[in-house]
């Protein structure tokens, strides 16, 4: 049985090694698929076999061979991301440049590779690579009651939000519960608006601001503050991917309602919080777009008094 398994793994590994197109920069999706196969059909399978049957020289050799191939493929992507990032930073029109890069390297492929985290598709992997979102900083303080832990917003949701709510240079966008800053960074790159992230965890806030600075996004600011204490007076579009629930969510919505009494605002929600937001008497849903795991909902305020 082990001999047959060795032959199967050898064949799978050989199939990947013989795909010369994997080394072509443009074949990003094909390369991610190869990494997917390496992770689940080869490396993890070898780990499981050796866990059950103990050390085996042939499996150890195949594991080393597979690991080296993984590292070489990852290096191709790393070099590609560095070049594309430099092009993006140097571009006088980063929005169109980023959209074209996504179209060129990802296209319309939407399914998720199995080795990535839940809800991470090819576009998310590509965007994370360009933005240098490569690790999760260690947290420094505990979440307060009602706060939800870090969970990244799918890039496709962000792109759809911008399509539904175009932002001009005189508008201000807020991401409540900004995490590592992906939403703020993408909106900042794709629009001319001022963009702000509100994030309770200092380590995340610092990390996100460093990324914004490295991308030369002078219009991007990350505020390390409890969302209940932030000043939203200048905001026009607010995004919430269920950053908190219960009483805390209601307190933040009350602050946003106060802003809506001075000028019209728009809320974009994704995840479970959409149901609570939909119950607000001062908001009217205008758009709903379903995605694989949840629905993006756009709300417009109805209580502006102009004072």
C-alpha atoms as a PDB file:
ATOM      1  CA  UNK A   1       0.000   0.000   0.000  1.00  0.00           C
ATOM      2  CA  UNK A   2       2.784   2.425   0.877  1.00  0.00           C
ATOM      3  CA  UNK A   3       4.562   1.616  -2.382  1.00  0.00           C
ATOM      4  CA  UNK A   4       1.413   2.477  -4.336  1.00  0.00           C
ATOM      5  CA  UNK A   5       1.080   5.741  -2.421  1.00  0.00           C
ATOM      6  CA  UNK A   6       4.680   6.606  -3.235  1.00  0.00           C
ATOM      7  CA  UNK A   7       3.982   6.062  -6.952  1.00  0.00           C
ATOM      8  CA  UNK A   8       0.874   8.264  -6.826  1.00  0.00           C
ATOM      9  CA  UNK A   9       2.718  11.099  -5.082  1.00  0.00           C
ATOM     10  CA  UNK A  10       5.648  10.781  -7.502  1.00  0.00           C
ATOM     11  CA  UNK A  11       3.226  11.076 -10.439  1.00  0.00           C
ATOM     12  CA  UNK A  12       1.473  14.100  -8.941  1.00  0.00           C
ATOM     13  CA  UNK A  13       4.769  15.817  -8.218  1.00  0.00           C
ATOM     14  CA  UNK A  14       6.110  15.046 -11.689  1.00  0.00           C
ATOM     15  CA  UNK A  15       2.961  16.496 -13.295  1.00  0.00           C
ATOM     16  CA  UNK A  16       3.562  19.835 -11.549  1.00  0.00           C
ATOM     17  CA  UNK A  17       7.291  19.855 -12.251  1.00  0.00           C
ATOM     18  CA  UNK A  18       6.660  19.362 -15.967  1.00  0.00           C
ATOM     19  CA  UNK A  19       4.268  22.315 -16.282  1.00  0.00           C
ATOM     20  CA  UNK A  20       6.641  24.827 -17.832  1.00  0.00           C
ATOM     21  CA  UNK A  21       3.900  27.468 -18.018  1.00  0.00           C
ATOM     22  CA  UNK A  22       3.968  27.779 -14.221  1.00  0.00           C
ATOM     23  CA  UNK A  23       7.104  29.883 -14.475  1.00  0.00           C
ATOM     24  CA  UNK A  24       5.446  32.448 -16.747  1.00  0.00           C
ATOM     25  CA  UNK A  25       4.501  35.553 -14.735  1.00  0.00           C
ATOM     26  CA  UNK A  26       1.087  35.944 -16.336  1.00  0.00           C
ATOM     27  CA  UNK A  27      -0.077  32.464 -15.271  1.00  0.00           C
ATOM     28  CA  UNK A  28      -0.849  33.488 -11.695  1.00  0.00           C
ATOM     29  CA  UNK A  29      -4.051  31.455 -11.289  1.00  0.00           C
ATOM     30  CA  UNK A  30      -2.400  28.352 -12.761  1.00  0.00           C
ATOM     31  CA  UNK A  31       0.467  28.796 -10.298  1.00  0.00           C
ATOM     32  CA  UNK A  32      -1.914  29.093  -7.341  1.00  0.00           C
ATOM     33  CA  UNK A  33      -3.629  25.899  -8.488  1.00  0.00           C
ATOM     34  CA  UNK A  34      -0.246  24.166  -8.532  1.00  0.00           C
ATOM     35  CA  UNK A  35       0.485  25.395  -5.014  1.00  0.00           C
ATOM     36  CA  UNK A  36      -2.956  24.121  -4.025  1.00  0.00           C
ATOM     37  CA  UNK A  37      -2.158  20.675  -5.403  1.00  0.00           C
ATOM     38  CA  UNK A  38       1.233  20.672  -3.713  1.00  0.00           C
ATOM     39  CA  UNK A  39      -0.336  21.538  -0.376  1.00  0.00           C
ATOM     40  CA  UNK A  40      -3.157  19.001  -0.310  1.00  0.00           C
ATOM     41  CA  UNK A  41      -2.308  16.179  -2.708  1.00  0.00           C
ATOM     42  CA  UNK A  42       1.383  15.961  -1.892  1.00  0.00           C
ATOM     43  CA  UNK A  43       2.746  17.688   1.226  1.00  0.00           C
ATOM     44  CA  UNK A  44      -0.208  17.150   3.548  1.00  0.00           C
ATOM     45  CA  UNK A  45      -0.688  13.608   2.292  1.00  0.00           C
ATOM     46  CA  UNK A  46       2.959  12.792   3.061  1.00  0.00           C
ATOM     47  CA  UNK A  47       2.596  14.322   6.531  1.00  0.00           C
ATOM     48  CA  UNK A  48      -0.486  12.173   7.218  1.00  0.00           C
ATOM     49  CA  UNK A  49       1.208   8.991   6.011  1.00  0.00           C
ATOM     50  CA  UNK A  50       4.281   9.579   8.135  1.00  0.00           C
ATOM     51  CA  UNK A  51       2.125  10.449  11.133  1.00  0.00           C
ATOM     52  CA  UNK A  52       0.420   7.055  10.867  1.00  0.00           C
ATOM     53  CA  UNK A  53       3.320   4.867   9.674  1.00  0.00           C
ATOM     54  CA  UNK A  54       6.358   6.710  10.973  1.00  0.00           C
ATOM     55  CA  UNK A  55       9.438   7.953   9.125  1.00  0.00           C
ATOM     56  CA  UNK A  56       9.934   6.597   5.625  1.00  0.00           C
ATOM     57  CA  UNK A  57      12.958   7.569   3.537  1.00  0.00           C
ATOM     58  CA  UNK A  58      11.088   7.718   0.206  1.00  0.00           C
ATOM     59  CA  UNK A  59       8.353   9.912   1.643  1.00  0.00           C
ATOM     60  CA  UNK A  60      10.930  12.173   3.300  1.00  0.00           C
ATOM     61  CA  UNK A  61      12.705  12.584  -0.041  1.00  0.00           C
ATOM     62  CA  UNK A  62       9.435  13.382  -1.832  1.00  0.00           C
ATOM     63  CA  UNK A  63       8.503  15.860   0.894  1.00  0.00           C
ATOM     64  CA  UNK A  64      11.816  17.664   0.480  1.00  0.00           C
ATOM     65  CA  UNK A  65      11.338  17.730  -3.296  1.00  0.00           C
ATOM     66  CA  UNK A  66       7.793  19.062  -2.953  1.00  0.00           C
ATOM     67  CA  UNK A  67       8.835  21.707  -0.439  1.00  0.00           C
ATOM     68  CA  UNK A  68      11.562  22.975  -2.758  1.00  0.00           C
ATOM     69  CA  UNK A  69       9.080  23.189  -5.626  1.00  0.00           C
ATOM     70  CA  UNK A  70       6.638  25.085  -3.374  1.00  0.00           C
ATOM     71  CA  UNK A  71       9.330  27.578  -2.433  1.00  0.00           C
ATOM     72  CA  UNK A  72      10.308  28.130  -6.071  1.00  0.00           C
ATOM     73  CA  UNK A  73       6.702  28.782  -7.114  1.00  0.00           C
ATOM     74  CA  UNK A  74       6.170  31.110  -4.161  1.00  0.00           C
ATOM     75  CA  UNK A  75       9.337  32.977  -5.147  1.00  0.00           C
ATOM     76  CA  UNK A  76       7.906  33.570  -8.631  1.00  0.00           C
ATOM     77  CA  UNK A  77       4.810  35.113  -7.083  1.00  0.00           C
ATOM     78  CA  UNK A  78       6.841  37.185  -4.619  1.00  0.00           C
ATOM     79  CA  UNK A  79       8.950  38.657  -7.419  1.00  0.00           C
ATOM     80  CA  UNK A  80       5.838  39.293  -9.491  1.00  0.00           C
ATOM     81  CA  UNK A  81       4.134  41.127  -6.614  1.00  0.00           C
ATOM     82  CA  UNK A  82       7.180  43.332  -6.055  1.00  0.00           C
ATOM     83  CA  UNK A  83       7.257  44.393  -9.702  1.00  0.00           C
ATOM     84  CA  UNK A  84       3.510  45.030  -9.868  1.00  0.00           C
ATOM     85  CA  UNK A  85       3.564  46.940  -6.590  1.00  0.00           C
ATOM     86  CA  UNK A  86       6.312  49.203  -7.906  1.00  0.00           C
ATOM     87  CA  UNK A  87       4.247  49.828 -11.023  1.00  0.00           C
ATOM     88  CA  UNK A  88       1.181  50.620  -8.920  1.00  0.00           C
ATOM     89  CA  UNK A  89       3.021  53.040  -6.625  1.00  0.00           C
ATOM     90  CA  UNK A  90       4.621  54.827  -9.589  1.00  0.00           C
ATOM     91  CA  UNK A  91       1.352  55.118 -11.512  1.00  0.00           C
ATOM     92  CA  UNK A  92      -0.280  58.585 -11.694  1.00  0.00           C
ATOM     93  CA  UNK A  93      -3.642  56.736 -11.868  1.00  0.00           C
ATOM     94  CA  UNK A  94      -3.427  53.845  -9.377  1.00  0.00           C
ATOM     95  CA  UNK A  95      -7.127  52.999  -9.612  1.00  0.00           C
ATOM     96  CA  UNK A  96      -7.200  52.081 -13.309  1.00  0.00           C
ATOM     97  CA  UNK A  97      -3.771  50.478 -12.968  1.00  0.00           C
ATOM     98  CA  UNK A  98      -4.919  48.213 -10.129  1.00  0.00           C
ATOM     99  CA  UNK A  99      -8.110  47.253 -11.958  1.00  0.00           C
ATOM    100  CA  UNK A 100      -6.127  46.345 -15.054  1.00  0.00           C
ATOM    101  CA  UNK A 101      -3.662  44.271 -13.051  1.00  0.00           C
ATOM    102  CA  UNK A 102      -6.510  42.344 -11.415  1.00  0.00           C
ATOM    103  CA  UNK A 103      -8.110  41.754 -14.811  1.00  0.00           C
ATOM    104  CA  UNK A 104      -4.838  40.630 -16.368  1.00  0.00           C
ATOM    105  CA  UNK A 105      -3.694  38.234 -13.645  1.00  0.00           C
ATOM    106  CA  UNK A 106      -6.972  36.994 -12.156  1.00  0.00           C
ATOM    107  CA  UNK A 107      -9.670  37.752 -14.712  1.00  0.00           C
ATOM    108  CA  UNK A 108     -13.094  36.327 -13.940  1.00  0.00           C
ATOM    109  CA  UNK A 109     -11.964  33.272 -11.951  1.00  0.00           C
ATOM    110  CA  UNK A 110     -14.005  33.193  -8.740  1.00  0.00           C
ATOM    111  CA  UNK A 111     -13.697  29.771  -7.042  1.00  0.00           C
ATOM    112  CA  UNK A 112     -11.573  29.331  -3.936  1.00  0.00           C
ATOM    113  CA  UNK A 113      -8.371  27.274  -3.771  1.00  0.00           C
ATOM    114  CA  UNK A 114      -8.756  24.734  -0.983  1.00  0.00           C
ATOM    115  CA  UNK A 115      -5.496  25.496   0.843  1.00  0.00           C
ATOM    116  CA  UNK A 116      -6.370  29.099   1.541  1.00  0.00           C
ATOM    117  CA  UNK A 117      -8.422  30.435   4.435  1.00  0.00           C
ATOM    118  CA  UNK A 118     -12.210  30.428   4.141  1.00  0.00           C
ATOM    119  CA  UNK A 119     -13.517  33.089   1.755  1.00  0.00           C
ATOM    120  CA  UNK A 120     -10.094  33.716   0.197  1.00  0.00           C
ATOM    121  CA  UNK A 121     -10.259  33.396  -3.586  1.00  0.00           C
ATOM    122  CA  UNK A 122      -7.664  34.144  -6.259  1.00  0.00           C
ATOM    123  CA  UNK A 123      -8.407  37.861  -6.225  1.00  0.00           C
ATOM    124  CA  UNK A 124      -7.837  38.017  -2.460  1.00  0.00           C
ATOM    125  CA  UNK A 125      -4.493  36.222  -2.797  1.00  0.00           C
ATOM    126  CA  UNK A 126      -3.468  38.551  -5.617  1.00  0.00           C
ATOM    127  CA  UNK A 127      -4.535  41.713  -3.781  1.00  0.00           C
ATOM    128  CA  UNK A 128      -2.824  40.626  -0.572  1.00  0.00           C
ATOM    129  CA  UNK A 129       0.361  40.042  -2.524  1.00  0.00           C
ATOM    130  CA  UNK A 130       0.372  43.485  -4.108  1.00  0.00           C
ATOM    131  CA  UNK A 131      -0.519  45.222  -0.835  1.00  0.00           C
ATOM    132  CA  UNK A 132       2.098  43.186   1.077  1.00  0.00           C
ATOM    133  CA  UNK A 133      -0.531  41.884   3.489  1.00  0.00           C
ATOM    134  CA  UNK A 134       1.648  38.946   4.418  1.00  0.00           C
ATOM    135  CA  UNK A 135       1.106  38.293   8.126  1.00  0.00           C
ATOM    136  CA  UNK A 136      -1.215  38.886  11.048  1.00  0.00           C
ATOM    137  CA  UNK A 137       0.466  40.918  13.822  1.00  0.00           C
ATOM    138  CA  UNK A 138       0.175  39.578  17.345  1.00  0.00           C
ATOM    139  CA  UNK A 139      -2.631  41.276  19.231  1.00  0.00           C
ATOM    140  CA  UNK A 140      -1.822  43.392  22.277  1.00  0.00           C
ATOM    141  CA  UNK A 141      -5.181  43.711  24.028  1.00  0.00           C
ATOM    142  CA  UNK A 142      -8.381  41.754  24.555  1.00  0.00           C
ATOM    143  CA  UNK A 143     -11.541  42.533  22.647  1.00  0.00           C
ATOM    144  CA  UNK A 144     -14.330  44.198  24.606  1.00  0.00           C
ATOM    145  CA  UNK A 145     -17.857  42.733  24.825  1.00  0.00           C
ATOM    146  CA  UNK A 146     -19.587  42.933  21.463  1.00  0.00           C
ATOM    147  CA  UNK A 147     -16.379  43.206  19.398  1.00  0.00           C
ATOM    148  CA  UNK A 148     -15.750  40.595  16.705  1.00  0.00           C
ATOM    149  CA  UNK A 149     -12.246  39.310  15.930  1.00  0.00           C
ATOM    150  CA  UNK A 150     -10.361  39.992  12.712  1.00  0.00           C
ATOM    151  CA  UNK A 151     -11.850  38.568   9.544  1.00  0.00           C
ATOM    152  CA  UNK A 152     -10.859  40.062   6.161  1.00  0.00           C
ATOM    153  CA  UNK A 153     -13.470  41.404   3.770  1.00  0.00           C
ATOM    154  CA  UNK A 154     -13.392  39.647   0.378  1.00  0.00           C
ATOM    155  CA  UNK A 155     -11.837  41.935  -2.218  1.00  0.00           C
ATOM    156  CA  UNK A 156     -14.766  41.342  -4.595  1.00  0.00           C
ATOM    157  CA  UNK A 157     -17.126  42.850  -2.033  1.00  0.00           C
ATOM    158  CA  UNK A 158     -14.986  45.983  -1.835  1.00  0.00           C
ATOM    159  CA  UNK A 159     -14.869  46.373  -5.605  1.00  0.00           C
ATOM    160  CA  UNK A 160     -18.633  45.931  -5.825  1.00  0.00           C
ATOM    161  CA  UNK A 161     -19.215  48.540  -3.112  1.00  0.00           C
ATOM    162  CA  UNK A 162     -17.185  51.095  -5.058  1.00  0.00           C
ATOM    163  CA  UNK A 163     -19.138  50.314  -8.210  1.00  0.00           C
ATOM    164  CA  UNK A 164     -22.431  50.933  -6.408  1.00  0.00           C
ATOM    165  CA  UNK A 165     -21.230  54.021  -4.518  1.00  0.00           C
ATOM    166  CA  UNK A 166     -18.656  55.989  -6.554  1.00  0.00           C
ATOM    167  CA  UNK A 167     -16.556  58.264  -4.354  1.00  0.00           C
ATOM    168  CA  UNK A 168     -15.259  61.707  -5.312  1.00  0.00           C
ATOM    169  CA  UNK A 169     -12.312  63.657  -3.921  1.00  0.00           C
ATOM    170  CA  UNK A 170     -14.460  65.648  -1.497  1.00  0.00           C
ATOM    171  CA  UNK A 171     -15.937  62.563   0.201  1.00  0.00           C
ATOM    172  CA  UNK A 172     -14.686  60.653   3.229  1.00  0.00           C
ATOM    173  CA  UNK A 173     -14.868  56.878   3.581  1.00  0.00           C
ATOM    174  CA  UNK A 174     -14.754  55.033   6.914  1.00  0.00           C
ATOM    175  CA  UNK A 175     -14.149  51.331   7.526  1.00  0.00           C
ATOM    176  CA  UNK A 176     -15.319  50.470  11.036  1.00  0.00           C
ATOM    177  CA  UNK A 177     -13.223  47.627  12.397  1.00  0.00           C
ATOM    178  CA  UNK A 178     -10.509  48.131   9.794  1.00  0.00           C
ATOM    179  CA  UNK A 179      -8.309  45.194  10.793  1.00  0.00           C
ATOM    180  CA  UNK A 180      -5.144  45.148   8.682  1.00  0.00           C
ATOM    181  CA  UNK A 181      -6.517  47.856   6.411  1.00  0.00           C
ATOM    182  CA  UNK A 182      -7.314  46.006   3.181  1.00  0.00           C
ATOM    183  CA  UNK A 183     -10.657  47.765   2.675  1.00  0.00           C
ATOM    184  CA  UNK A 184      -9.213  51.220   3.334  1.00  0.00           C
ATOM    185  CA  UNK A 185      -6.168  50.590   1.142  1.00  0.00           C
ATOM    186  CA  UNK A 186      -8.238  49.356  -1.788  1.00  0.00           C
ATOM    187  CA  UNK A 187     -10.751  52.200  -1.568  1.00  0.00           C
ATOM    188  CA  UNK A 188      -7.854  54.643  -1.279  1.00  0.00           C
ATOM    189  CA  UNK A 189      -6.172  53.216  -4.372  1.00  0.00           C
ATOM    190  CA  UNK A 190      -9.338  52.913  -6.434  1.00  0.00           C
ATOM    191  CA  UNK A 191     -10.931  56.281  -5.626  1.00  0.00           C
ATOM    192  CA  UNK A 192      -9.913  59.889  -4.948  1.00  0.00           C
ATOM    193  CA  UNK A 193     -11.718  59.982  -1.589  1.00  0.00           C
ATOM    194  CA  UNK A 194     -10.135  60.466   1.813  1.00  0.00           C
ATOM    195  CA  UNK A 195     -10.164  57.077   3.528  1.00  0.00           C
ATOM    196  CA  UNK A 196     -10.106  56.281   7.234  1.00  0.00           C
ATOM    197  CA  UNK A 197      -9.965  53.061   9.181  1.00  0.00           C
ATOM    198  CA  UNK A 198     -11.191  52.766  12.758  1.00  0.00           C
ATOM    199  CA  UNK A 199      -9.410  49.918  14.538  1.00  0.00           C
ATOM    200  CA  UNK A 200      -9.351  48.988  18.239  1.00  0.00           C
ATOM    201  CA  UNK A 201      -6.198  46.806  18.125  1.00  0.00           C
ATOM    202  CA  UNK A 202      -3.051  49.005  18.160  1.00  0.00           C
ATOM    203  CA  UNK A 203      -0.867  46.427  16.405  1.00  0.00           C
ATOM    204  CA  UNK A 204      -3.329  46.164  13.495  1.00  0.00           C
ATOM    205  CA  UNK A 205      -3.654  49.930  13.295  1.00  0.00           C
ATOM    206  CA  UNK A 206       0.110  50.455  13.155  1.00  0.00           C
ATOM    207  CA  UNK A 207       0.533  47.714  10.565  1.00  0.00           C
ATOM    208  CA  UNK A 208      -2.199  49.162   8.343  1.00  0.00           C
ATOM    209  CA  UNK A 209      -0.793  52.700   8.536  1.00  0.00           C
ATOM    210  CA  UNK A 210       2.653  51.429   7.571  1.00  0.00           C
ATOM    211  CA  UNK A 211       1.157  49.726   4.521  1.00  0.00           C
ATOM    212  CA  UNK A 212      -0.671  52.923   3.542  1.00  0.00           C
ATOM    213  CA  UNK A 213       2.526  54.956   3.886  1.00  0.00           C
ATOM    214  CA  UNK A 214       4.495  52.462   1.809  1.00  0.00           C
ATOM    215  CA  UNK A 215       1.874  52.797  -0.946  1.00  0.00           C
ATOM    216  CA  UNK A 216       2.162  56.607  -0.737  1.00  0.00           C
ATOM    217  CA  UNK A 217      -1.512  56.867   0.205  1.00  0.00           C
ATOM    218  CA  UNK A 218      -1.425  60.270   1.873  1.00  0.00           C
ATOM    219  CA  UNK A 219      -5.246  60.316   1.976  1.00  0.00           C
ATOM    220  CA  UNK A 220      -5.354  57.214   4.185  1.00  0.00           C
ATOM    221  CA  UNK A 221      -5.526  57.447   7.978  1.00  0.00           C
ATOM    222  CA  UNK A 222      -5.980  54.738  10.596  1.00  0.00           C
ATOM    223  CA  UNK A 223      -7.471  55.714  13.933  1.00  0.00           C
ATOM    224  CA  UNK A 224      -6.636  53.515  16.913  1.00  0.00           C
ATOM    225  CA  UNK A 225      -9.833  54.114  18.867  1.00  0.00           C
ATOM    226  CA  UNK A 226     -12.947  52.367  20.121  1.00  0.00           C
ATOM    227  CA  UNK A 227     -15.557  52.828  17.370  1.00  0.00           C
ATOM    228  CA  UNK A 228     -17.947  54.239  19.980  1.00  0.00           C
ATOM    229  CA  UNK A 229     -15.530  57.088  20.638  1.00  0.00           C
ATOM    230  CA  UNK A 230     -14.580  58.011  17.064  1.00  0.00           C
ATOM    231  CA  UNK A 231     -15.629  61.278  15.426  1.00  0.00           C
ATOM    232  CA  UNK A 232     -17.492  60.543  12.188  1.00  0.00           C
ATOM    233  CA  UNK A 233     -18.651  64.082  11.444  1.00  0.00           C
ATOM    234  CA  UNK A 234     -16.924  64.274   8.053  1.00  0.00           C
ATOM    235  CA  UNK A 235     -17.955  60.809   6.844  1.00  0.00           C
ATOM    236  CA  UNK A 236     -20.064  60.175   3.746  1.00  0.00           C
ATOM    237  CA  UNK A 237     -19.695  56.401   3.227  1.00  0.00           C
ATOM    238  CA  UNK A 238     -19.298  53.901   6.068  1.00  0.00           C
ATOM    239  CA  UNK A 239     -18.479  50.208   5.705  1.00  0.00           C
ATOM    240  CA  UNK A 240     -19.193  47.528   8.313  1.00  0.00           C
ATOM    241  CA  UNK A 241     -18.282  43.861   7.954  1.00  0.00           C
ATOM    242  CA  UNK A 242     -19.962  42.925  11.234  1.00  0.00           C
ATOM    243  CA  UNK A 243     -17.166  44.434  13.373  1.00  0.00           C
ATOM    244  CA  UNK A 244     -19.326  44.284  16.501  1.00  0.00           C
ATOM    245  CA  UNK A 245     -22.764  43.156  17.636  1.00  0.00           C
ATOM    246  CA  UNK A 246     -25.434  43.846  20.201  1.00  0.00           C
ATOM    247  CA  UNK A 247     -25.335  46.969  22.298  1.00  0.00           C
ATOM    248  CA  UNK A 248     -22.023  48.145  20.849  1.00  0.00           C
ATOM    249  CA  UNK A 249     -23.396  48.024  17.314  1.00  0.00           C
ATOM    250  CA  UNK A 250     -26.458  49.991  18.396  1.00  0.00           C
ATOM    251  CA  UNK A 251     -24.279  52.644  20.058  1.00  0.00           C
ATOM    252  CA  UNK A 252     -22.197  53.088  16.908  1.00  0.00           C
ATOM    253  CA  UNK A 253     -25.308  53.240  14.722  1.00  0.00           C
ATOM    254  CA  UNK A 254     -26.666  55.969  17.004  1.00  0.00           C
ATOM    255  CA  UNK A 255     -23.502  57.998  16.373  1.00  0.00           C
ATOM    256  CA  UNK A 256     -23.905  57.525  12.637  1.00  0.00           C
ATOM    257  CA  UNK A 257     -27.541  58.593  12.837  1.00  0.00           C
ATOM    258  CA  UNK A 258     -26.403  61.833  14.460  1.00  0.00           C
ATOM    259  CA  UNK A 259     -24.065  62.397  11.495  1.00  0.00           C
ATOM    260  CA  UNK A 260     -26.926  61.674   9.098  1.00  0.00           C
ATOM    261  CA  UNK A 261     -28.891  64.525  10.663  1.00  0.00           C
ATOM    262  CA  UNK A 262     -26.256  66.958   9.368  1.00  0.00           C
ATOM    263  CA  UNK A 263     -25.742  65.546   5.870  1.00  0.00           C
ATOM    264  CA  UNK A 264     -26.755  62.479   3.842  1.00  0.00           C
ATOM    265  CA  UNK A 265     -24.621  59.401   4.408  1.00  0.00           C
ATOM    266  CA  UNK A 266     -24.407  55.897   2.982  1.00  0.00           C
ATOM    267  CA  UNK A 267     -23.780  52.658   4.860  1.00  0.00           C
ATOM    268  CA  UNK A 268     -22.447  49.529   3.192  1.00  0.00           C
ATOM    269  CA  UNK A 269     -22.732  46.336   5.222  1.00  0.00           C
ATOM    270  CA  UNK A 270     -21.617  42.744   4.775  1.00  0.00           C
ATOM    271  CA  UNK A 271     -22.338  39.834   7.068  1.00  0.00           C
ATOM    272  CA  UNK A 272     -24.705  39.377   9.993  1.00  0.00           C
ATOM    273  CA  UNK A 273     -24.820  43.046  10.964  1.00  0.00           C
ATOM    274  CA  UNK A 274     -26.889  43.800   7.836  1.00  0.00           C
ATOM    275  CA  UNK A 275     -29.995  42.454   9.569  1.00  0.00           C
ATOM    276  CA  UNK A 276     -29.585  44.850  12.507  1.00  0.00           C
ATOM    277  CA  UNK A 277     -28.778  47.786  10.259  1.00  0.00           C
ATOM    278  CA  UNK A 278     -31.891  47.059   8.180  1.00  0.00           C
ATOM    279  CA  UNK A 279     -34.020  47.655  11.286  1.00  0.00           C
ATOM    280  CA  UNK A 280     -32.832  51.248  11.639  1.00  0.00           C
ATOM    281  CA  UNK A 281     -35.723  53.600  10.887  1.00  0.00           C
ATOM    282  CA  UNK A 282     -33.396  56.247   9.499  1.00  0.00           C
ATOM    283  CA  UNK A 283     -31.879  53.997   6.824  1.00  0.00           C
ATOM    284  CA  UNK A 284     -33.301  52.783   3.535  1.00  0.00           C
ATOM    285  CA  UNK A 285     -31.746  49.802   1.671  1.00  0.00           C
ATOM    286  CA  UNK A 286     -31.014  50.656  -1.959  1.00  0.00           C
ATOM    287  CA  UNK A 287     -28.805  47.829  -3.237  1.00  0.00           C
ATOM    288  CA  UNK A 288     -28.267  44.178  -2.403  1.00  0.00           C
ATOM    289  CA  UNK A 289     -25.671  41.993  -4.117  1.00  0.00           C
ATOM    290  CA  UNK A 290     -25.203  38.374  -3.132  1.00  0.00           C
ATOM    291  CA  UNK A 291     -21.777  36.758  -2.926  1.00  0.00           C
ATOM    292  CA  UNK A 292     -20.741  33.184  -2.178  1.00  0.00           C
ATOM    293  CA  UNK A 293     -20.854  33.529   1.605  1.00  0.00           C
ATOM    294  CA  UNK A 294     -22.995  36.596   2.279  1.00  0.00           C
ATOM    295  CA  UNK A 295     -24.666  39.685   0.821  1.00  0.00           C
ATOM    296  CA  UNK A 296     -23.464  43.245   0.389  1.00  0.00           C
ATOM    297  CA  UNK A 297     -26.208  45.719   1.277  1.00  0.00           C
ATOM    298  CA  UNK A 298     -26.135  49.463   0.606  1.00  0.00           C
ATOM    299  CA  UNK A 299     -28.247  51.775   2.781  1.00  0.00           C
ATOM    300  CA  UNK A 300     -28.974  55.471   2.308  1.00  0.00           C
ATOM    301  CA  UNK A 301     -29.880  57.767   5.199  1.00  0.00           C
ATOM    302  CA  UNK A 302     -33.302  59.415   5.294  1.00  0.00           C
ATOM    303  CA  UNK A 303     -32.963  61.753   8.291  1.00  0.00           C
ATOM    304  CA  UNK A 304     -30.709  64.550   7.044  1.00  0.00           C
ATOM    305  CA  UNK A 305     -31.925  67.975   8.157  1.00  0.00           C
ATOM    306  CA  UNK A 306     -29.092  69.949   6.590  1.00  0.00           C
ATOM    307  CA  UNK A 307     -28.179  71.692   9.841  1.00  0.00           C
END
